[in-house]
PDB file of N, CA and C in Angstrom:
ATOM      1  N   MET A   1     -34.695   9.180 132.138  1.00  0.00           N
ATOM      2  CA  MET A   1     -34.029   7.753 130.840  1.00  0.00           C
ATOM      3  C   MET A   1     -34.045   7.779 129.942  1.00  0.00           C
ATOM      4  N   ALA A   2     -34.658   8.727 129.065  1.00  0.00           N
ATOM      5  CA  ALA A   2     -34.136   8.787 127.460  1.00  0.00           C
ATOM      6  C   ALA A   2     -32.475   8.963 127.257  1.00  0.00           C
ATOM      7  N   THR A   3     -31.973   9.724 128.364  1.00  0.00           N
ATOM      8  CA  THR A   3     -30.481   9.832 128.417  1.00  0.00           C
ATOM      9  C   THR A   3     -29.774   8.658 128.613  1.00  0.00           C
ATOM     10  N   LEU A   4     -30.292   7.838 129.565  1.00  0.00           N
ATOM     11  CA  LEU A   4     -29.438   6.825 129.911  1.00  0.00           C
ATOM     12  C   LEU A   4     -29.666   5.724 128.822  1.00  0.00           C
ATOM     13  N   ALA A   5     -30.975   5.468 128.098  1.00  0.00           N
ATOM     14  CA  ALA A   5     -31.301   4.679 126.887  1.00  0.00           C
ATOM     15  C   ALA A   5     -30.094   4.993 125.869  1.00  0.00           C
ATOM     16  N   SER A   6     -30.088   6.566 125.572  1.00  0.00           N
ATOM     17  CA  SER A   6     -29.185   7.003 124.659  1.00  0.00           C
ATOM     18  C   SER A   6     -27.844   6.895 124.795  1.00  0.00           C
ATOM     19  N   GLN A   7     -27.237   6.966 126.216  1.00  0.00           N
ATOM     20  CA  GLN A   7     -25.841   6.596 126.372  1.00  0.00           C
ATOM     21  C   GLN A   7     -25.615   5.220 126.213  1.00  0.00           C
ATOM     22  N   LEU A   8     -26.680   4.055 126.517  1.00  0.00           N
ATOM     23  CA  LEU A   8     -26.307   2.725 126.377  1.00  0.00           C
ATOM     24  C   LEU A   8     -26.068   2.300 125.254  1.00  0.00           C
ATOM     25  N   ARG A   9     -27.098   2.909 124.266  1.00  0.00           N
ATOM     26  CA  ARG A   9     -26.903   3.031 122.854  1.00  0.00           C
ATOM     27  C   ARG A   9     -25.514   2.990 122.115  1.00  0.00           C
ATOM     28  N   GLU A  10     -25.025   4.344 122.390  1.00  0.00           N
ATOM     29  CA  GLU A  10     -23.972   4.581 121.974  1.00  0.00           C
ATOM     30  C   GLU A  10     -22.613   4.065 122.695  1.00  0.00           C
ATOM     31  N   GLU A  11     -22.872   3.723 123.764  1.00  0.00           N
ATOM     32  CA  GLU A  11     -21.681   2.584 124.353  1.00  0.00           C
ATOM     33  C   GLU A  11     -21.597   1.324 123.714  1.00  0.00           C
ATOM     34  N   LYS A  12     -23.148   0.737 123.747  1.00  0.00           N
ATOM     35  CA  LYS A  12     -23.331  -0.648 122.679  1.00  0.00           C
ATOM     36  C   LYS A  12     -22.662  -0.492 121.457  1.00  0.00           C
ATOM     37  N   ASP A  13     -22.900   0.621 120.640  1.00  0.00           N
ATOM     38  CA  ASP A  13     -22.266   0.833 119.579  1.00  0.00           C
ATOM     39  C   ASP A  13     -20.479   0.705 119.536  1.00  0.00           C
ATOM     40  N   ILE A  14     -20.222   1.608 120.211  1.00  0.00           N
ATOM     41  CA  ILE A  14     -18.777   1.569 120.761  1.00  0.00           C
ATOM     42  C   ILE A  14     -18.288   0.264 120.943  1.00  0.00           C
ATOM     43  N   VAL A  15     -18.726  -0.474 121.799  1.00  0.00           N
ATOM     44  CA  VAL A  15     -18.272  -1.756 121.979  1.00  0.00           C
ATOM     45  C   VAL A  15     -18.252  -2.668 120.633  1.00  0.00           C
ATOM     46  N   LEU A  16     -19.269  -2.335 119.989  1.00  0.00           N
ATOM     47  CA  LEU A  16     -19.601  -3.193 118.694  1.00  0.00           C
ATOM     48  C   LEU A  16     -18.503  -3.005 117.693  1.00  0.00           C
ATOM     49  N   ALA A  17     -17.747  -1.778 117.687  1.00  0.00           N
ATOM     50  CA  ALA A  17     -17.113  -1.228 116.732  1.00  0.00           C
ATOM     51  C   ALA A  17     -15.710  -1.723 117.638  1.00  0.00           C
ATOM     52  N   LYS A  18     -15.603  -1.844 118.535  1.00  0.00           N
ATOM     53  CA  LYS A  18     -14.208  -2.475 119.130  1.00  0.00           C
ATOM     54  C   LYS A  18     -14.147  -3.732 119.093  1.00  0.00           C
ATOM     55  N   GLU A  19     -15.198  -4.794 119.026  1.00  0.00           N
ATOM     56  CA  GLU A  19     -15.528  -6.150 118.545  1.00  0.00           C
ATOM     57  C   GLU A  19     -15.093  -6.481 117.026  1.00  0.00           C
ATOM     58  N   LYS A  20     -15.443  -5.432 116.427  1.00  0.00           N
ATOM     59  CA  LYS A  20     -15.139  -5.481 115.058  1.00  0.00           C
ATOM     60  C   LYS A  20     -13.930  -5.463 114.479  1.00  0.00           C
ATOM     61  N   GLU A  21     -13.298  -4.412 115.424  1.00  0.00           N
ATOM     62  CA  GLU A  21     -11.668  -4.283 115.258  1.00  0.00           C
ATOM     63  C   GLU A  21     -10.714  -5.169 115.478  1.00  0.00           C
ATOM     64  N   ILE A  22     -11.281  -5.910 116.812  1.00  0.00           N
ATOM     65  CA  ILE A  22     -10.625  -6.733 117.350  1.00  0.00           C
ATOM     66  C   ILE A  22     -10.756  -7.968 116.460  1.00  0.00           C
ATOM     67  N   LYS A  23     -11.548  -8.177 115.761  1.00  0.00           N
ATOM     68  CA  LYS A  23     -11.886  -9.285 115.181  1.00  0.00           C
ATOM     69  C   LYS A  23     -11.027  -9.196 113.566  1.00  0.00           C
ATOM     70  N   ALA A  24     -11.176  -7.801 113.379  1.00  0.00           N
ATOM     71  CA  ALA A  24     -10.568  -7.411 111.808  1.00  0.00           C
ATOM     72  C   ALA A  24      -8.934  -7.600 112.058  1.00  0.00           C
ATOM     73  N   LEU A  25      -8.416  -7.027 113.236  1.00  0.00           N
ATOM     74  CA  LEU A  25      -7.255  -7.322 114.100  1.00  0.00           C
ATOM     75  C   LEU A  25      -6.666  -8.738 114.310  1.00  0.00           C
ATOM     76  N   ARG A  26      -7.483  -9.918 114.696  1.00  0.00           N
ATOM     77  CA  ARG A  26      -7.237 -11.058 114.815  1.00  0.00           C
ATOM     78  C   ARG A  26      -7.192 -11.385 113.000  1.00  0.00           C
ATOM     79  N   LEU A  27      -7.996 -11.138 112.253  1.00  0.00           N
ATOM     80  CA  LEU A  27      -7.912 -11.812 110.926  1.00  0.00           C
ATOM     81  C   LEU A  27      -6.550 -11.417 110.230  1.00  0.00           C
ATOM     82  N   LYS A  28      -6.237 -10.360 110.684  1.00  0.00           N
ATOM     83  CA  LYS A  28      -4.828  -9.407 110.215  1.00  0.00           C
ATOM     84  C   LYS A  28      -3.539 -10.276 110.476  1.00  0.00           C
ATOM     85  N   VAL A  29      -3.579 -10.601 111.976  1.00  0.00           N
ATOM     86  CA  VAL A  29      -2.749 -11.429 112.302  1.00  0.00           C
ATOM     87  C   VAL A  29      -2.531 -12.950 111.752  1.00  0.00           C
ATOM     88  N   ARG A  30      -3.379 -13.559 111.671  1.00  0.00           N
ATOM     89  CA  ARG A  30      -3.656 -14.933 111.150  1.00  0.00           C
ATOM     90  C   ARG A  30      -3.619 -15.047 109.400  1.00  0.00           C
ATOM     91  N   ASN A  31      -3.585 -13.550 109.020  1.00  0.00           N
ATOM     92  CA  ASN A  31      -3.181 -13.754 107.567  1.00  0.00           C
ATOM     93  C   ASN A  31      -1.518 -13.498 107.490  1.00  0.00           C
ATOM     94  N   GLN A  32      -1.195 -12.811 108.436  1.00  0.00           N
ATOM     95  CA  GLN A  32      -0.067 -12.443 108.206  1.00  0.00           C
ATOM     96  C   GLN A  32       1.227 -13.913 108.951  1.00  0.00           C
ATOM     97  N   ASP A  33       0.287 -14.776 109.353  1.00  0.00           N
ATOM     98  CA  ASP A  33       1.455 -15.847 110.253  1.00  0.00           C
ATOM     99  C   ASP A  33       0.934 -16.883 108.993  1.00  0.00           C
ATOM    100  N   GLU A  34       0.029 -16.536 108.352  1.00  0.00           N
ATOM    101  CA  GLU A  34      -0.141 -17.722 107.204  1.00  0.00           C
ATOM    102  C   GLU A  34       0.963 -17.373 106.181  1.00  0.00           C
ATOM    103  N   ALA A  35       1.002 -15.960 105.981  1.00  0.00           N
ATOM    104  CA  ALA A  35       1.939 -15.623 104.978  1.00  0.00           C
ATOM    105  C   ALA A  35       3.329 -16.435 105.445  1.00  0.00           C
ATOM    106  N   GLY A  36       3.435 -15.675 106.531  1.00  0.00           N
ATOM    107  CA  GLY A  36       4.675 -16.241 107.183  1.00  0.00           C
ATOM    108  C   GLY A  36       5.230 -17.508 106.942  1.00  0.00           C
ATOM    109  N   MET A  37       4.193 -18.199 107.484  1.00  0.00           N
ATOM    110  CA  MET A  37       4.415 -19.967 106.916  1.00  0.00           C
ATOM    111  C   MET A  37       4.664 -20.181 105.149  1.00  0.00           C
ATOM    112  N   MET A  38       3.933 -19.790 104.778  1.00  0.00           N
ATOM    113  CA  MET A  38       4.027 -19.571 103.532  1.00  0.00           C
ATOM    114  C   MET A  38       5.548 -18.972 102.792  1.00  0.00           C
ATOM    115  N   ALA A  39       6.081 -17.584 103.559  1.00  0.00           N
ATOM    116  CA  ALA A  39       7.159 -17.768 102.992  1.00  0.00           C
ATOM    117  C   ALA A  39       8.270 -18.382 103.391  1.00  0.00           C
ATOM    118  N   SER A  40       8.379 -18.994 104.377  1.00  0.00           N
ATOM    119  CA  SER A  40       9.125 -19.994 105.288  1.00  0.00           C
ATOM    120  C   SER A  40       9.471 -21.106 104.424  1.00  0.00           C
ATOM    121  N   SER A  41       8.202 -21.596 103.898  1.00  0.00           N
ATOM    122  CA  SER A  41       8.221 -22.952 103.328  1.00  0.00           C
ATOM    123  C   SER A  41       8.515 -22.414 101.991  1.00  0.00           C
ATOM    124  N   GLU A  42       8.590 -21.625 101.303  1.00  0.00           N
ATOM    125  CA  GLU A  42       8.939 -21.077  99.783  1.00  0.00           C
ATOM    126  C   GLU A  42      10.574 -21.150  99.918  1.00  0.00           C
ATOM    127  N   ASN A  43      11.017 -20.062 100.983  1.00  0.00           N
ATOM    128  CA  ASN A  43      12.605 -20.091 101.363  1.00  0.00           C
ATOM    129  C   ASN A  43      13.212 -21.571 101.377  1.00  0.00           C
ATOM    130  N   VAL A  44      12.590 -22.622 101.976  1.00  0.00           N
ATOM    131  CA  VAL A  44      13.029 -23.865 101.992  1.00  0.00           C
ATOM    132  C   VAL A  44      13.214 -24.857 100.754  1.00  0.00           C
ATOM    133  N   SER A  45      12.039 -24.445  99.829  1.00  0.00           N
ATOM    134  CA  SER A  45      12.207 -24.785  98.489  1.00  0.00           C
ATOM    135  C   SER A  45      13.343 -23.974  97.823  1.00  0.00           C
ATOM    136  N   LEU A  46      13.398 -22.804  97.751  1.00  0.00           N
ATOM    137  CA  LEU A  46      14.555 -22.071  97.307  1.00  0.00           C
ATOM    138  C   LEU A  46      15.587 -22.689  97.667  1.00  0.00           C
ATOM    139  N   ARG A  47      15.839 -22.742  98.717  1.00  0.00           N
ATOM    140  CA  ARG A  47      17.372 -23.235  99.447  1.00  0.00           C
ATOM    141  C   ARG A  47      17.458 -24.545  98.804  1.00  0.00           C
ATOM    142  N   GLU A  48      16.591 -25.242  98.995  1.00  0.00           N
ATOM    143  CA  GLU A  48      16.655 -26.971  98.215  1.00  0.00           C
ATOM    144  C   GLU A  48      17.140 -26.789  96.515  1.00  0.00           C
ATOM    145  N   GLN A  49      16.498 -25.788  96.248  1.00  0.00           N
ATOM    146  CA  GLN A  49      16.700 -25.384  94.752  1.00  0.00           C
ATOM    147  C   GLN A  49      17.935 -25.119  94.532  1.00  0.00           C
ATOM    148  N   LEU A  50      18.819 -24.123  95.282  1.00  0.00           N
ATOM    149  CA  LEU A  50      20.283 -23.810  95.327  1.00  0.00           C
ATOM    150  C   LEU A  50      20.723 -24.592  95.596  1.00  0.00           C
ATOM    151  N   GLU A  51      20.688 -25.722  96.499  1.00  0.00           N
ATOM    152  CA  GLU A  51      21.337 -26.893  96.305  1.00  0.00           C
ATOM    153  C   GLU A  51      21.562 -27.992  95.571  1.00  0.00           C
ATOM    154  N   ARG A  52      20.179 -27.803  94.634  1.00  0.00           N
ATOM    155  CA  ARG A  52      20.558 -28.496  93.371  1.00  0.00           C
ATOM    156  C   ARG A  52      21.030 -28.257  92.428  1.00  0.00           C
ATOM    157  N   ARG A  53      21.027 -27.056  92.439  1.00  0.00           N
ATOM    158  CA  ARG A  53      21.888 -25.915  91.209  1.00  0.00           C
ATOM    159  C   ARG A  53      23.545 -26.249  91.396  1.00  0.00           C
ATOM    160  N   GLU A  54      23.672 -25.848  92.933  1.00  0.00           N
ATOM    161  CA  GLU A  54      25.194 -25.994  93.217  1.00  0.00           C
ATOM    162  C   GLU A  54      26.147 -27.345  93.144  1.00  0.00           C
ATOM    163  N   GLU A  55      24.976 -28.352  93.161  1.00  0.00           N
ATOM    164  CA  GLU A  55      25.225 -29.800  92.704  1.00  0.00           C
ATOM    165  C   GLU A  55      25.692 -30.227  91.178  1.00  0.00           C
ATOM    166  N   GLU A  56      24.742 -29.300  90.402  1.00  0.00           N
ATOM    167  CA  GLU A  56      24.627 -29.267  88.840  1.00  0.00           C
ATOM    168  C   GLU A  56      26.132 -28.640  88.642  1.00  0.00           C
ATOM    169  N   ILE A  57      26.281 -27.652  89.260  1.00  0.00           N
ATOM    170  CA  ILE A  57      27.572 -26.623  88.966  1.00  0.00           C
ATOM    171  C   ILE A  57      28.750 -27.564  89.068  1.00  0.00           C
ATOM    172  N   TYR A  58      28.762 -28.297  89.940  1.00  0.00           N
ATOM    173  CA  TYR A  58      30.040 -28.900  90.804  1.00  0.00           C
ATOM    174  C   TYR A  58      30.249 -30.127  89.909  1.00  0.00           C
ATOM    175  N   ASP A  59      28.971 -30.849  89.416  1.00  0.00           N
ATOM    176  CA  ASP A  59      28.912 -32.003  88.633  1.00  0.00           C
ATOM    177  C   ASP A  59      29.700 -31.640  87.415  1.00  0.00           C
ATOM    178  N   LEU A  60      29.075 -30.363  86.690  1.00  0.00           N
ATOM    179  CA  LEU A  60      29.486 -30.053  85.433  1.00  0.00           C
ATOM    180  C   LEU A  60      30.938 -29.497  85.402  1.00  0.00           C
ATOM    181  N   LYS A  61      31.409 -28.641  86.340  1.00  0.00           N
ATOM    182  CA  LYS A  61      32.901 -28.231  86.597  1.00  0.00           C
ATOM    183  C   LYS A  61      33.904 -29.672  86.151  1.00  0.00           C
ATOM    184  N   LEU A  62      33.104 -30.853  86.976  1.00  0.00           N
ATOM    185  CA  LEU A  62      34.064 -31.766  87.483  1.00  0.00           C
ATOM    186  C   LEU A  62      34.290 -32.412  85.688  1.00  0.00           C
ATOM    187  N   ALA A  63      32.836 -32.667  85.118  1.00  0.00           N
ATOM    188  CA  ALA A  63      32.786 -32.868  83.922  1.00  0.00           C
ATOM    189  C   ALA A  63      33.842 -32.305  82.972  1.00  0.00           C
ATOM    190  N   THR A  64      33.833 -31.146  82.907  1.00  0.00           N
ATOM    191  CA  THR A  64      34.725 -30.218  81.968  1.00  0.00           C
ATOM    192  C   THR A  64      36.299 -30.521  82.302  1.00  0.00           C
ATOM    193  N   ILE A  65      36.413 -30.585  84.047  1.00  0.00           N
ATOM    194  CA  ILE A  65      37.995 -31.405  83.920  1.00  0.00           C
ATOM    195  C   ILE A  65      38.122 -32.338  83.327  1.00  0.00           C
ATOM    196  N   GLU A  66      37.244 -33.291  83.469  1.00  0.00           N
ATOM    197  CA  GLU A  66      37.880 -34.772  82.654  1.00  0.00           C
ATOM    198  C   GLU A  66      37.669 -34.499  81.570  1.00  0.00           C
ATOM    199  N   PHE A  67      36.910 -33.752  80.731  1.00  0.00           N
ATOM    200  CA  PHE A  67      36.604 -33.613  79.467  1.00  0.00           C
ATOM    201  C   PHE A  67      38.662 -32.822  78.860  1.00  0.00           C
ATOM    202  N   ILE A  68      38.801 -31.935  79.420  1.00  0.00           N
ATOM    203  CA  ILE A  68      40.028 -31.360  79.404  1.00  0.00           C
ATOM    204  C   ILE A  68      41.022 -32.262  79.483  1.00  0.00           C
ATOM    205  N   CYS A  69      41.446 -33.336  80.604  1.00  0.00           N
ATOM    206  CA  CYS A  69      42.339 -34.137  80.680  1.00  0.00           C
ATOM    207  C   CYS A  69      42.174 -35.279  79.559  1.00  0.00           C
ATOM    208  N   CYS A  70      41.119 -35.680  79.309  1.00  0.00           N
ATOM    209  CA  CYS A  70      40.934 -36.520  77.909  1.00  0.00           C
ATOM    210  C   CYS A  70      41.264 -35.632  76.871  1.00  0.00           C
ATOM    211  N   ILE A  71      40.946 -34.552  76.538  1.00  0.00           N
ATOM    212  CA  ILE A  71      41.644 -33.613  75.228  1.00  0.00           C
ATOM    213  C   ILE A  71      43.437 -33.813  75.328  1.00  0.00           C
ATOM    214  N   MET A  72      43.761 -33.405  76.638  1.00  0.00           N
ATOM    215  CA  MET A  72      45.383 -33.314  76.952  1.00  0.00           C
ATOM    216  C   MET A  72      46.024 -35.043  76.583  1.00  0.00           C
ATOM    217  N   LEU A  73      45.186 -35.847  77.344  1.00  0.00           N
ATOM    218  CA  LEU A  73      46.040 -37.389  77.064  1.00  0.00           C
ATOM    219  C   LEU A  73      45.702 -37.459  75.533  1.00  0.00           C
ATOM    220  N   LEU A  74      44.532 -36.956  74.726  1.00  0.00           N
ATOM    221  CA  LEU A  74      44.663 -37.324  73.307  1.00  0.00           C
ATOM    222  C   LEU A  74      45.876 -36.839  72.378  1.00  0.00           C
ATOM    223  N   GLN A  75      45.981 -35.555  72.769  1.00  0.00           N
ATOM    224  CA  GLN A  75      46.858 -34.722  71.994  1.00  0.00           C
ATOM    225  C   GLN A  75      48.449 -35.252  72.524  1.00  0.00           C
ATOM    226  N   GLU A  76      48.818 -35.696  73.406  1.00  0.00           N
ATOM    227  CA  GLU A  76      49.834 -36.358  74.114  1.00  0.00           C
ATOM    228  C   GLU A  76      49.983 -37.494  73.228  1.00  0.00           C
ATOM    229  N   ALA A  77      48.925 -38.407  73.256  1.00  0.00           N
ATOM    230  CA  ALA A  77      48.978 -39.441  72.327  1.00  0.00           C
ATOM    231  C   ALA A  77      48.979 -39.223  70.777  1.00  0.00           C
ATOM    232  N   THR A  78      48.481 -38.237  70.366  1.00  0.00           N
ATOM    233  CA  THR A  78      48.862 -37.776  68.850  1.00  0.00           C
ATOM    234  C   THR A  78      50.239 -37.352  68.512  1.00  0.00           C
ATOM    235  N   ILE A  79      50.720 -36.698  69.696  1.00  0.00           N
ATOM    236  CA  ILE A  79      52.004 -36.109  69.556  1.00  0.00           C
ATOM    237  C   ILE A  79      52.844 -37.376  69.366  1.00  0.00           C
ATOM    238  N   ARG A  80      52.812 -38.344  70.319  1.00  0.00           N
ATOM    239  CA  ARG A  80      53.702 -39.237  70.246  1.00  0.00           C
ATOM    240  C   ARG A  80      53.980 -40.435  68.936  1.00  0.00           C
ATOM    241  N   LEU A  81      52.306 -40.201  68.600  1.00  0.00           N
ATOM    242  CA  LEU A  81      52.253 -41.074  66.851  1.00  0.00           C
ATOM    243  C   LEU A  81      52.499 -40.689  66.132  1.00  0.00           C
ATOM    244  N   ARG A  82      52.536 -39.197  66.176  1.00  0.00           N
ATOM    245  CA  ARG A  82      53.604 -38.523  65.116  1.00  0.00           C
ATOM    246  C   ARG A  82      54.715 -38.583  65.330  1.00  0.00           C
ATOM    247  N   GLY A  83      55.398 -38.495  66.471  1.00  0.00           N
ATOM    248  CA  GLY A  83      56.899 -38.576  66.582  1.00  0.00           C
ATOM    249  C   GLY A  83      57.091 -40.006  66.087  1.00  0.00           C
ATOM    250  N   CYS A  84      56.755 -41.015  66.544  1.00  0.00           N
ATOM    251  CA  CYS A  84      56.985 -42.571  65.801  1.00  0.00           C
ATOM    252  C   CYS A  84      56.772 -42.836  64.296  1.00  0.00           C
ATOM    253  N   TRP A  85      55.860 -41.805  63.673  1.00  0.00           N
ATOM    254  CA  TRP A  85      55.597 -42.207  62.238  1.00  0.00           C
ATOM    255  C   TRP A  85      56.630 -41.580  61.352  1.00  0.00           C
ATOM    256  N   CYS A  86      56.785 -40.131  62.176  1.00  0.00           N
ATOM    257  CA  CYS A  86      58.224 -39.416  61.669  1.00  0.00           C
ATOM    258  C   CYS A  86      59.830 -39.909  62.111  1.00  0.00           C
ATOM    259  N   GLY A  87      59.704 -40.189  63.309  1.00  0.00           N
ATOM    260  CA  GLY A  87      61.073 -40.863  63.533  1.00  0.00           C
ATOM    261  C   GLY A  87      61.859 -41.853  63.414  1.00  0.00           C
ATOM    262  N   CYS A  88      60.483 -43.133  62.948  1.00  0.00           N
ATOM    263  CA  CYS A  88      61.180 -44.044  63.361  1.00  0.00           C
ATOM    264  C   CYS A  88      61.704 -44.507  61.675  1.00  0.00           C
ATOM    265  N   ARG A  89      63.053 -45.529  61.750  1.00  0.00           N
ATOM    266  CA  ARG A  89      63.126 -46.013  60.654  1.00  0.00           C
ATOM    267  C   ARG A  89      62.771 -47.109  60.097  1.00  0.00           C
ATOM    268  N   ASP A  90      62.468 -47.806  61.066  1.00  0.00           N
ATOM    269  CA  ASP A  90      61.836 -49.366  60.561  1.00  0.00           C
ATOM    270  C   ASP A  90      60.380 -49.168  60.360  1.00  0.00           C
ATOM    271  N   PRO A  91      59.918 -49.272  59.370  1.00  0.00           N
ATOM    272  CA  PRO A  91      58.370 -48.885  58.884  1.00  0.00           C
ATOM    273  C   PRO A  91      57.602 -50.113  59.815  1.00  0.00           C
ATOM    274  N   SER A  92      57.772 -51.080  59.850  1.00  0.00           N
ATOM    275  CA  SER A  92      57.156 -52.097  60.824  1.00  0.00           C
ATOM    276  C   SER A  92      57.253 -51.832  61.872  1.00  0.00           C
ATOM    277  N   ALA A  93      58.032 -51.271  62.849  1.00  0.00           N
ATOM    278  CA  ALA A  93      58.154 -50.615  64.284  1.00  0.00           C
ATOM    279  C   ALA A  93      57.106 -49.540  64.566  1.00  0.00           C
ATOM    280  N   ARG A  94      56.672 -48.725  63.343  1.00  0.00           N
ATOM    281  CA  ARG A  94      55.948 -47.829  63.296  1.00  0.00           C
ATOM    282  C   ARG A  94      54.455 -47.943  63.911  1.00  0.00           C
ATOM    283  N   LEU A  95      54.158 -49.273  63.162  1.00  0.00           N
ATOM    284  CA  LEU A  95      52.497 -50.036  63.665  1.00  0.00           C
ATOM    285  C   LEU A  95      52.383 -50.228  65.087  1.00  0.00           C
ATOM    286  N   TYR A  96      53.387 -50.733  65.762  1.00  0.00           N
ATOM    287  CA  TYR A  96      53.336 -51.240  66.766  1.00  0.00           C
ATOM    288  C   TYR A  96      53.997 -50.633  68.586  1.00  0.00           C
ATOM    289  N   SER A  97      54.627 -49.097  67.706  1.00  0.00           N
ATOM    290  CA  SER A  97      55.100 -48.497  68.980  1.00  0.00           C
ATOM    291  C   SER A  97      54.147 -47.061  69.223  1.00  0.00           C
ATOM    292  N   PHE A  98      53.465 -47.203  70.019  1.00  0.00           N
ATOM    293  CA  PHE A  98      52.914 -45.796  70.267  1.00  0.00           C
ATOM    294  C   PHE A  98      53.336 -44.940  71.465  1.00  0.00           C
ATOM    295  N   PRO A  99      54.357 -45.501  72.397  1.00  0.00           N
ATOM    296  CA  PRO A  99      55.355 -44.405  73.043  1.00  0.00           C
ATOM    297  C   PRO A  99      56.068 -43.946  72.757  1.00  0.00           C
ATOM    298  N   ARG A 100      56.675 -43.047  73.132  1.00  0.00           N
ATOM    299  CA  ARG A 100      57.792 -42.351  72.628  1.00  0.00           C
ATOM    300  C   ARG A 100      58.733 -43.467  72.498  1.00  0.00           C
ATOM    301  N   LEU A 101      59.575 -42.791  71.308  1.00  0.00           N
ATOM    302  CA  LEU A 101      60.982 -43.774  70.921  1.00  0.00           C
ATOM    303  C   LEU A 101      61.896 -43.317  71.320  1.00  0.00           C
ATOM    304  N   ASP A 102      62.928 -44.495  72.135  1.00  0.00           N
ATOM    305  CA  ASP A 102      64.219 -44.051  72.619  1.00  0.00           C
ATOM    306  C   ASP A 102      65.141 -43.825  71.356  1.00  0.00           C
ATOM    307  N   LYS A 103      66.091 -43.152  71.821  1.00  0.00           N
ATOM    308  CA  LYS A 103      67.323 -43.010  70.828  1.00  0.00           C
ATOM    309  C   LYS A 103      67.879 -44.617  70.780  1.00  0.00           C
ATOM    310  N   GLN A 104      68.033 -45.260  71.589  1.00  0.00           N
ATOM    311  CA  GLN A 104      68.661 -46.343  71.447  1.00  0.00           C
ATOM    312  C   GLN A 104      67.595 -47.152  70.403  1.00  0.00           C
ATOM    313  N   ARG A 105      66.211 -47.012  70.416  1.00  0.00           N
ATOM    314  CA  ARG A 105      65.920 -48.161  69.376  1.00  0.00           C
ATOM    315  C   ARG A 105      65.847 -47.676  68.118  1.00  0.00           C
ATOM    316  N   LEU A 106      66.541 -46.566  67.659  1.00  0.00           N
ATOM    317  CA  LEU A 106      66.519 -45.700  66.445  1.00  0.00           C
ATOM    318  C   LEU A 106      67.648 -46.461  65.797  1.00  0.00           C
TER     319      LEU A 106
END
């Protein structure tokens, strides 16, 4: 009888140890699921940030192109204005003619 009681206690201890192990594994799985969900939401957030940054880069490139075009137009207008001031014989015409002067008008 003492032997059976001893075996029963040992088996009970084994069952309790297995139950603890199962609880620990369930907790580990739950933690991994939560970590996976957090990683997934962080991934979505990072993708949104990336899209915003790409849009900002696109806008900056577009602004750069517009700025360069404005500079080129200003340079062209300056060249025309210089040509007007230097190439025109009639001083009064210089003030009003910004486009390039034709040879016929000289």
